[in-house]
Amino acid sequence: MPTLSCSRRSALALLVGIVCSGAAAAQEVWVITESGQPMQGTHKPARVIELDAPQRIEAELTTGLPGDPQKAAPIVRQRLKDGGASLQQRMQTAYQGVTDAWSMGITTIPAVVVDQRYVLYGETNIDRALARIAQHRKERP
């Protein structure tokens, strides 16, 4: 194994320290809420899951439909077709979000989730939620 000079070892140690500290600080933040419960703070989460998104999309598709299912079905099909790929993507994102929240066992909203491991319920300010989670992680590494 080649030996490193003192300055190269210091540079390598500094690089490893920077990489490791960046990895430790890196966190994926999700906010789980509903459309009527906006979150505050300066931190922009990687993902915002609005649990009522599927119902809002369904309401868009079913607004003003006739009571007769045979007459309503072609209208809904046309709305789905008109919505195209963007509607399909919105639907996929909405339902995937609900599935992900349920699979993590989210029981209350709003919830701030860090690294799909730490959850803080009830805090509407993302910055305060992240500070509380960081304090918890420091106290219980």
N, C-alpha and C. Protein backbone atom coordinates (compact mmCIF):
# COMPACT_ATOMS: atom_id res chain seq x y z
N MET A 1 0.85 -1.18 0.00
CA MET A 1 0.00 0.00 0.00
C MET A 1 0.89 1.23 0.00
N PRO A 2 0.62 2.19 -0.90
CA PRO A 2 1.46 3.38 -0.96
C PRO A 2 1.27 4.22 0.29
N THR A 3 2.33 4.86 0.72
CA THR A 3 2.25 5.74 1.88
C THR A 3 1.89 7.13 1.42
N LEU A 4 1.17 7.83 2.25
CA LEU A 4 0.76 9.19 1.93
C LEU A 4 1.61 10.16 2.73
N SER A 5 1.97 11.25 2.11
CA SER A 5 2.69 12.28 2.84
C SER A 5 1.73 12.92 3.84
N CYS A 6 2.30 13.65 4.78
CA CYS A 6 1.48 14.29 5.81
C CYS A 6 0.43 15.21 5.19
N SER A 7 0.83 16.00 4.20
CA SER A 7 -0.13 16.94 3.60
C SER A 7 -1.20 16.18 2.82
N ARG A 8 -0.82 15.07 2.18
CA ARG A 8 -1.84 14.29 1.45
C ARG A 8 -2.79 13.62 2.43
N ARG A 9 -2.25 13.11 3.57
CA ARG A 9 -3.12 12.50 4.57
C ARG A 9 -4.09 13.53 5.14
N SER A 10 -3.60 14.74 5.38
CA SER A 10 -4.47 15.80 5.91
C SER A 10 -5.55 16.15 4.91
N ALA A 11 -5.17 16.25 3.66
CA ALA A 11 -6.15 16.57 2.61
C ALA A 11 -7.17 15.46 2.50
N LEU A 12 -6.71 14.20 2.57
CA LEU A 12 -7.62 13.06 2.50
C LEU A 12 -8.56 13.05 3.70
N ALA A 13 -8.02 13.31 4.89
CA ALA A 13 -8.85 13.35 6.10
C ALA A 13 -9.90 14.45 5.99
N LEU A 14 -9.49 15.61 5.46
CA LEU A 14 -10.42 16.71 5.30
C LEU A 14 -11.52 16.33 4.31
N LEU A 15 -11.15 15.71 3.20
CA LEU A 15 -12.12 15.29 2.20
C LEU A 15 -13.09 14.27 2.79
N VAL A 16 -12.56 13.28 3.51
CA VAL A 16 -13.42 12.27 4.13
C VAL A 16 -14.36 12.94 5.13
N GLY A 17 -13.84 13.89 5.90
CA GLY A 17 -14.67 14.61 6.86
C GLY A 17 -15.78 15.38 6.19
N ILE A 18 -15.47 16.03 5.09
CA ILE A 18 -16.49 16.79 4.35
C ILE A 18 -17.55 15.85 3.80
N VAL A 19 -17.11 14.75 3.19
CA VAL A 19 -18.05 13.80 2.62
C VAL A 19 -18.93 13.20 3.71
N CYS A 20 -18.31 12.78 4.82
CA CYS A 20 -19.08 12.16 5.90
C CYS A 20 -20.04 13.15 6.56
N SER A 21 -19.59 14.37 6.78
CA SER A 21 -20.49 15.34 7.41
C SER A 21 -21.63 15.68 6.47
N GLY A 22 -21.37 15.73 5.19
CA GLY A 22 -22.45 15.97 4.23
C GLY A 22 -23.44 14.83 4.22
N ALA A 23 -22.95 13.60 4.32
CA ALA A 23 -23.85 12.46 4.34
C ALA A 23 -24.67 12.44 5.60
N ALA A 24 -24.05 12.81 6.72
CA ALA A 24 -24.78 12.81 7.98
C ALA A 24 -25.84 13.90 7.97
N ALA A 25 -25.54 15.04 7.36
CA ALA A 25 -26.48 16.15 7.34
C ALA A 25 -27.56 15.95 6.28
N ALA A 26 -27.25 15.17 5.26
CA ALA A 26 -28.22 14.95 4.20
C ALA A 26 -29.43 14.23 4.79
N GLN A 27 -30.58 14.75 4.48
CA GLN A 27 -31.79 14.11 4.96
C GLN A 27 -32.90 14.34 3.96
N GLU A 28 -33.74 13.35 3.84
CA GLU A 28 -34.90 13.47 2.97
C GLU A 28 -36.09 13.82 3.84
N VAL A 29 -36.70 14.94 3.55
CA VAL A 29 -37.81 15.43 4.36
C VAL A 29 -39.10 15.33 3.56
N TRP A 30 -40.09 14.70 4.19
CA TRP A 30 -41.43 14.63 3.63
C TRP A 30 -42.37 15.37 4.57
N VAL A 31 -43.36 16.02 4.01
CA VAL A 31 -44.42 16.63 4.79
C VAL A 31 -45.71 15.93 4.39
N ILE A 32 -46.44 15.46 5.37
CA ILE A 32 -47.71 14.78 5.11
C ILE A 32 -48.79 15.62 5.76
N THR A 33 -49.74 16.05 4.94
CA THR A 33 -50.76 16.99 5.41
C THR A 33 -52.00 16.84 4.53
N GLU A 34 -52.87 17.83 4.59
CA GLU A 34 -54.01 17.96 3.69
C GLU A 34 -53.96 19.35 3.07
N SER A 35 -54.71 19.54 2.02
CA SER A 35 -54.67 20.83 1.31
C SER A 35 -55.07 21.99 2.21
N GLY A 36 -55.93 21.79 3.17
CA GLY A 36 -56.38 22.85 4.05
C GLY A 36 -55.45 23.12 5.23
N GLN A 37 -54.35 22.39 5.32
CA GLN A 37 -53.38 22.58 6.40
C GLN A 37 -52.02 22.92 5.83
N PRO A 38 -51.83 24.15 5.39
CA PRO A 38 -50.55 24.52 4.80
C PRO A 38 -49.44 24.52 5.85
N MET A 39 -48.25 24.20 5.42
CA MET A 39 -47.08 24.19 6.29
C MET A 39 -46.28 25.47 6.07
N GLN A 40 -45.54 25.86 7.10
CA GLN A 40 -44.73 27.07 7.03
C GLN A 40 -43.27 26.69 7.22
N GLY A 41 -42.39 27.67 6.99
CA GLY A 41 -40.97 27.47 7.21
C GLY A 41 -40.18 27.71 5.94
N THR A 42 -38.87 27.79 6.12
CA THR A 42 -38.01 28.06 4.98
C THR A 42 -37.52 26.80 4.29
N HIS A 43 -37.53 25.68 5.00
CA HIS A 43 -37.04 24.43 4.42
C HIS A 43 -38.04 23.92 3.39
N LYS A 44 -37.53 23.57 2.23
CA LYS A 44 -38.38 23.01 1.18
C LYS A 44 -38.26 21.49 1.23
N PRO A 45 -39.34 20.80 1.58
CA PRO A 45 -39.28 19.34 1.67
C PRO A 45 -39.10 18.70 0.30
N ALA A 46 -38.50 17.50 0.31
CA ALA A 46 -38.33 16.75 -0.93
C ALA A 46 -39.70 16.33 -1.48
N ARG A 47 -40.64 16.17 -0.57
CA ARG A 47 -41.94 15.65 -0.98
C ARG A 47 -43.02 16.18 -0.06
N VAL A 48 -44.12 16.61 -0.65
CA VAL A 48 -45.30 17.00 0.11
C VAL A 48 -46.42 16.06 -0.30
N ILE A 49 -46.94 15.35 0.67
CA ILE A 49 -48.03 14.41 0.43
C ILE A 49 -49.29 15.02 1.03
N GLU A 50 -50.27 15.28 0.17
CA GLU A 50 -51.56 15.76 0.64
C GLU A 50 -52.52 14.58 0.59
N LEU A 51 -52.93 14.12 1.76
CA LEU A 51 -53.74 12.91 1.83
C LEU A 51 -55.11 13.06 1.17
N ASP A 52 -55.57 14.29 0.98
CA ASP A 52 -56.85 14.49 0.33
C ASP A 52 -56.73 14.69 -1.18
N ALA A 53 -55.54 14.58 -1.73
CA ALA A 53 -55.34 14.77 -3.18
C ALA A 53 -56.17 13.80 -4.03
N PRO A 54 -56.23 12.50 -3.69
CA PRO A 54 -57.05 11.62 -4.53
C PRO A 54 -58.52 12.04 -4.57
N GLN A 55 -59.06 12.46 -3.43
CA GLN A 55 -60.47 12.89 -3.41
C GLN A 55 -60.67 14.15 -4.24
N ARG A 56 -59.71 15.06 -4.22
CA ARG A 56 -59.84 16.28 -5.03
C ARG A 56 -59.83 15.94 -6.52
N ILE A 57 -58.98 15.02 -6.92
CA ILE A 57 -58.93 14.62 -8.33
C ILE A 57 -60.23 13.92 -8.72
N GLU A 58 -60.72 13.04 -7.85
CA GLU A 58 -61.99 12.37 -8.13
C GLU A 58 -63.12 13.37 -8.25
N ALA A 59 -63.12 14.40 -7.42
CA ALA A 59 -64.16 15.43 -7.49
C ALA A 59 -64.10 16.16 -8.83
N GLU A 60 -62.88 16.43 -9.32
CA GLU A 60 -62.73 17.06 -10.64
C GLU A 60 -63.36 16.21 -11.72
N LEU A 61 -63.16 14.91 -11.62
CA LEU A 61 -63.65 14.01 -12.66
C LEU A 61 -65.15 13.78 -12.59
N THR A 62 -65.74 13.94 -11.41
CA THR A 62 -67.15 13.59 -11.25
C THR A 62 -68.09 14.79 -11.12
N THR A 63 -67.55 15.98 -11.12
CA THR A 63 -68.38 17.18 -10.98
C THR A 63 -69.36 17.29 -12.15
N GLY A 64 -70.61 17.51 -11.80
CA GLY A 64 -71.64 17.75 -12.81
C GLY A 64 -72.06 16.53 -13.60
N LEU A 65 -71.77 15.35 -13.11
CA LEU A 65 -72.18 14.14 -13.85
C LEU A 65 -73.68 13.88 -13.68
N PRO A 66 -74.29 13.31 -14.70
CA PRO A 66 -75.69 12.92 -14.56
C PRO A 66 -75.82 11.76 -13.56
N GLY A 67 -76.98 11.62 -12.98
CA GLY A 67 -77.22 10.55 -12.01
C GLY A 67 -77.24 9.17 -12.62
N ASP A 68 -77.48 9.07 -13.89
CA ASP A 68 -77.54 7.78 -14.58
C ASP A 68 -76.11 7.30 -14.87
N PRO A 69 -75.69 6.18 -14.26
CA PRO A 69 -74.33 5.67 -14.48
C PRO A 69 -74.00 5.41 -15.95
N GLN A 70 -74.98 5.01 -16.74
CA GLN A 70 -74.73 4.74 -18.15
C GLN A 70 -74.41 6.02 -18.92
N LYS A 71 -74.97 7.13 -18.50
CA LYS A 71 -74.68 8.41 -19.13
C LYS A 71 -73.40 9.02 -18.56
N ALA A 72 -73.13 8.75 -17.29
CA ALA A 72 -71.97 9.33 -16.62
C ALA A 72 -70.65 8.68 -17.08
N ALA A 73 -70.67 7.39 -17.33
CA ALA A 73 -69.44 6.65 -17.67
C ALA A 73 -68.71 7.23 -18.88
N PRO A 74 -69.38 7.49 -20.00
CA PRO A 74 -68.63 8.04 -21.15
C PRO A 74 -68.07 9.44 -20.87
N ILE A 75 -68.75 10.21 -20.02
CA ILE A 75 -68.25 11.54 -19.69
C ILE A 75 -66.95 11.42 -18.89
N VAL A 76 -66.94 10.52 -17.93
CA VAL A 76 -65.72 10.32 -17.12
C VAL A 76 -64.59 9.81 -18.00
N ARG A 77 -64.90 8.87 -18.89
CA ARG A 77 -63.85 8.36 -19.80
C ARG A 77 -63.27 9.49 -20.64
N GLN A 78 -64.13 10.38 -21.13
CA GLN A 78 -63.66 11.50 -21.94
C GLN A 78 -62.81 12.45 -21.09
N ARG A 79 -63.21 12.70 -19.86
CA ARG A 79 -62.42 13.56 -18.97
C ARG A 79 -61.05 12.95 -18.70
N LEU A 80 -61.01 11.65 -18.49
CA LEU A 80 -59.73 10.97 -18.28
C LEU A 80 -58.85 11.08 -19.52
N LYS A 81 -59.47 10.91 -20.68
CA LYS A 81 -58.72 11.02 -21.94
C LYS A 81 -58.21 12.44 -22.14
N ASP A 82 -59.07 13.42 -21.89
CA ASP A 82 -58.68 14.83 -22.06
C ASP A 82 -57.56 15.22 -21.09
N GLY A 83 -57.58 14.64 -19.92
CA GLY A 83 -56.55 14.95 -18.93
C GLY A 83 -55.18 14.44 -19.32
N GLY A 84 -55.15 13.41 -20.13
CA GLY A 84 -53.91 12.88 -20.68
C GLY A 84 -52.89 12.45 -19.65
N ALA A 85 -51.63 12.55 -20.05
CA ALA A 85 -50.52 12.08 -19.22
C ALA A 85 -50.39 12.88 -17.93
N SER A 86 -50.70 14.17 -17.98
CA SER A 86 -50.54 14.97 -16.75
C SER A 86 -51.55 14.54 -15.69
N LEU A 87 -52.77 14.24 -16.09
CA LEU A 87 -53.77 13.75 -15.14
C LEU A 87 -53.36 12.39 -14.59
N GLN A 88 -52.89 11.52 -15.47
CA GLN A 88 -52.43 10.20 -15.01
C GLN A 88 -51.29 10.34 -14.01
N GLN A 89 -50.37 11.27 -14.26
CA GLN A 89 -49.25 11.49 -13.34
C GLN A 89 -49.74 12.04 -12.00
N ARG A 90 -50.67 12.99 -12.04
CA ARG A 90 -51.24 13.53 -10.80
C ARG A 90 -51.91 12.44 -9.99
N MET A 91 -52.67 11.57 -10.67
CA MET A 91 -53.36 10.48 -9.98
C MET A 91 -52.36 9.50 -9.37
N GLN A 92 -51.34 9.16 -10.14
CA GLN A 92 -50.32 8.23 -9.65
C GLN A 92 -49.60 8.80 -8.44
N THR A 93 -49.23 10.07 -8.51
CA THR A 93 -48.53 10.73 -7.40
C THR A 93 -49.43 10.80 -6.17
N ALA A 94 -50.68 11.15 -6.36
CA ALA A 94 -51.61 11.28 -5.24
C ALA A 94 -51.81 9.94 -4.53
N TYR A 95 -52.09 8.90 -5.29
CA TYR A 95 -52.34 7.59 -4.67
C TYR A 95 -51.06 6.99 -4.09
N GLN A 96 -49.92 7.22 -4.74
CA GLN A 96 -48.66 6.72 -4.20
C GLN A 96 -48.35 7.40 -2.87
N GLY A 97 -48.63 8.69 -2.78
CA GLY A 97 -48.40 9.41 -1.53
C GLY A 97 -49.22 8.84 -0.39
N VAL A 98 -50.49 8.58 -0.64
CA VAL A 98 -51.35 8.00 0.39
C VAL A 98 -50.83 6.63 0.79
N THR A 99 -50.44 5.84 -0.19
CA THR A 99 -49.89 4.51 0.10
C THR A 99 -48.63 4.60 0.94
N ASP A 100 -47.73 5.52 0.58
CA ASP A 100 -46.49 5.67 1.34
C ASP A 100 -46.76 6.12 2.77
N ALA A 101 -47.67 7.05 2.96
CA ALA A 101 -48.01 7.52 4.31
C ALA A 101 -48.59 6.37 5.13
N TRP A 102 -49.50 5.61 4.56
CA TRP A 102 -50.09 4.48 5.28
C TRP A 102 -49.03 3.44 5.61
N SER A 103 -48.13 3.17 4.66
CA SER A 103 -47.12 2.13 4.90
C SER A 103 -46.15 2.53 6.01
N MET A 104 -45.98 3.84 6.24
CA MET A 104 -45.13 4.29 7.35
C MET A 104 -45.91 4.36 8.65
N GLY A 105 -47.20 4.12 8.60
CA GLY A 105 -48.01 4.14 9.80
C GLY A 105 -48.36 5.54 10.29
N ILE A 106 -48.39 6.51 9.38
CA ILE A 106 -48.73 7.87 9.77
C ILE A 106 -50.17 7.87 10.29
N THR A 107 -50.34 8.41 11.50
CA THR A 107 -51.64 8.37 12.16
C THR A 107 -52.27 9.74 12.35
N THR A 108 -51.49 10.78 12.25
CA THR A 108 -51.96 12.13 12.51
C THR A 108 -51.32 13.07 11.51
N ILE A 109 -52.05 14.13 11.16
CA ILE A 109 -51.44 15.14 10.30
C ILE A 109 -51.58 16.49 10.97
N PRO A 110 -50.69 17.40 10.71
CA PRO A 110 -49.55 17.25 9.82
C PRO A 110 -48.46 16.39 10.45
N ALA A 111 -47.65 15.82 9.58
CA ALA A 111 -46.50 15.02 10.02
C ALA A 111 -45.29 15.43 9.19
N VAL A 112 -44.16 15.59 9.86
CA VAL A 112 -42.90 15.84 9.18
C VAL A 112 -42.07 14.58 9.36
N VAL A 113 -41.63 14.01 8.24
CA VAL A 113 -40.90 12.74 8.25
C VAL A 113 -39.49 12.99 7.73
N VAL A 114 -38.50 12.50 8.46
CA VAL A 114 -37.11 12.64 8.06
C VAL A 114 -36.54 11.25 7.80
N ASP A 115 -35.99 11.07 6.61
CA ASP A 115 -35.34 9.83 6.20
C ASP A 115 -36.26 8.62 6.37
N GLN A 116 -37.56 8.82 6.27
CA GLN A 116 -38.55 7.77 6.42
C GLN A 116 -38.35 6.99 7.73
N ARG A 117 -37.77 7.67 8.72
CA ARG A 117 -37.45 7.02 9.99
C ARG A 117 -37.95 7.80 11.19
N TYR A 118 -37.86 9.11 11.13
CA TYR A 118 -38.26 9.97 12.23
C TYR A 118 -39.50 10.75 11.84
N VAL A 119 -40.48 10.78 12.74
CA VAL A 119 -41.74 11.46 12.45
C VAL A 119 -42.08 12.38 13.61
N LEU A 120 -42.47 13.59 13.28
CA LEU A 120 -42.97 14.53 14.28
C LEU A 120 -44.37 14.93 13.85
N TYR A 121 -45.33 14.72 14.74
CA TYR A 121 -46.72 15.03 14.45
C TYR A 121 -47.12 16.39 15.02
N GLY A 122 -48.02 17.05 14.32
CA GLY A 122 -48.69 18.22 14.84
C GLY A 122 -47.98 19.55 14.66
N GLU A 123 -46.76 19.57 14.19
CA GLU A 123 -46.01 20.82 14.02
C GLU A 123 -46.24 21.35 12.61
N THR A 124 -46.73 22.57 12.50
CA THR A 124 -47.01 23.15 11.19
C THR A 124 -45.84 23.96 10.63
N ASN A 125 -44.77 24.10 11.40
CA ASN A 125 -43.58 24.81 10.93
C ASN A 125 -42.48 23.78 10.68
N ILE A 126 -42.10 23.63 9.43
CA ILE A 126 -41.12 22.60 9.06
C ILE A 126 -39.78 22.84 9.74
N ASP A 127 -39.35 24.10 9.83
CA ASP A 127 -38.06 24.40 10.45
C ASP A 127 -38.05 23.97 11.92
N ARG A 128 -39.12 24.27 12.66
CA ARG A 128 -39.19 23.85 14.07
C ARG A 128 -39.25 22.34 14.18
N ALA A 129 -39.97 21.70 13.29
CA ALA A 129 -40.05 20.23 13.32
C ALA A 129 -38.68 19.62 13.09
N LEU A 130 -37.94 20.15 12.12
CA LEU A 130 -36.61 19.61 11.84
C LEU A 130 -35.66 19.85 13.01
N ALA A 131 -35.79 20.98 13.68
CA ALA A 131 -34.95 21.26 14.85
C ALA A 131 -35.25 20.27 15.97
N ARG A 132 -36.52 19.98 16.19
CA ARG A 132 -36.88 19.01 17.24
C ARG A 132 -36.40 17.61 16.89
N ILE A 133 -36.50 17.23 15.64
CA ILE A 133 -36.01 15.91 15.22
C ILE A 133 -34.49 15.86 15.36
N ALA A 134 -33.80 16.92 14.98
CA ALA A 134 -32.34 16.96 15.11
C ALA A 134 -31.93 16.85 16.58
N GLN A 135 -32.65 17.51 17.46
CA GLN A 135 -32.36 17.43 18.89
C GLN A 135 -32.55 16.00 19.39
N HIS A 136 -33.61 15.38 18.97
CA HIS A 136 -33.88 13.98 19.35
C HIS A 136 -32.76 13.07 18.87
N ARG A 137 -32.33 13.27 17.63
CA ARG A 137 -31.26 12.43 17.07
C ARG A 137 -29.95 12.64 17.81
N LYS A 138 -29.70 13.86 18.25
CA LYS A 138 -28.47 14.16 18.99
C LYS A 138 -28.50 13.48 20.36
N GLU A 139 -29.66 13.50 21.00
CA GLU A 139 -29.79 12.90 22.34
C GLU A 139 -29.81 11.38 22.29
N ARG A 140 -30.29 10.83 21.19
CA ARG A 140 -30.39 9.36 21.06
C ARG A 140 -29.83 8.94 19.69
N PRO A 141 -28.50 8.95 19.57
CA PRO A 141 -27.89 8.65 18.25
C PRO A 141 -28.15 7.23 17.76
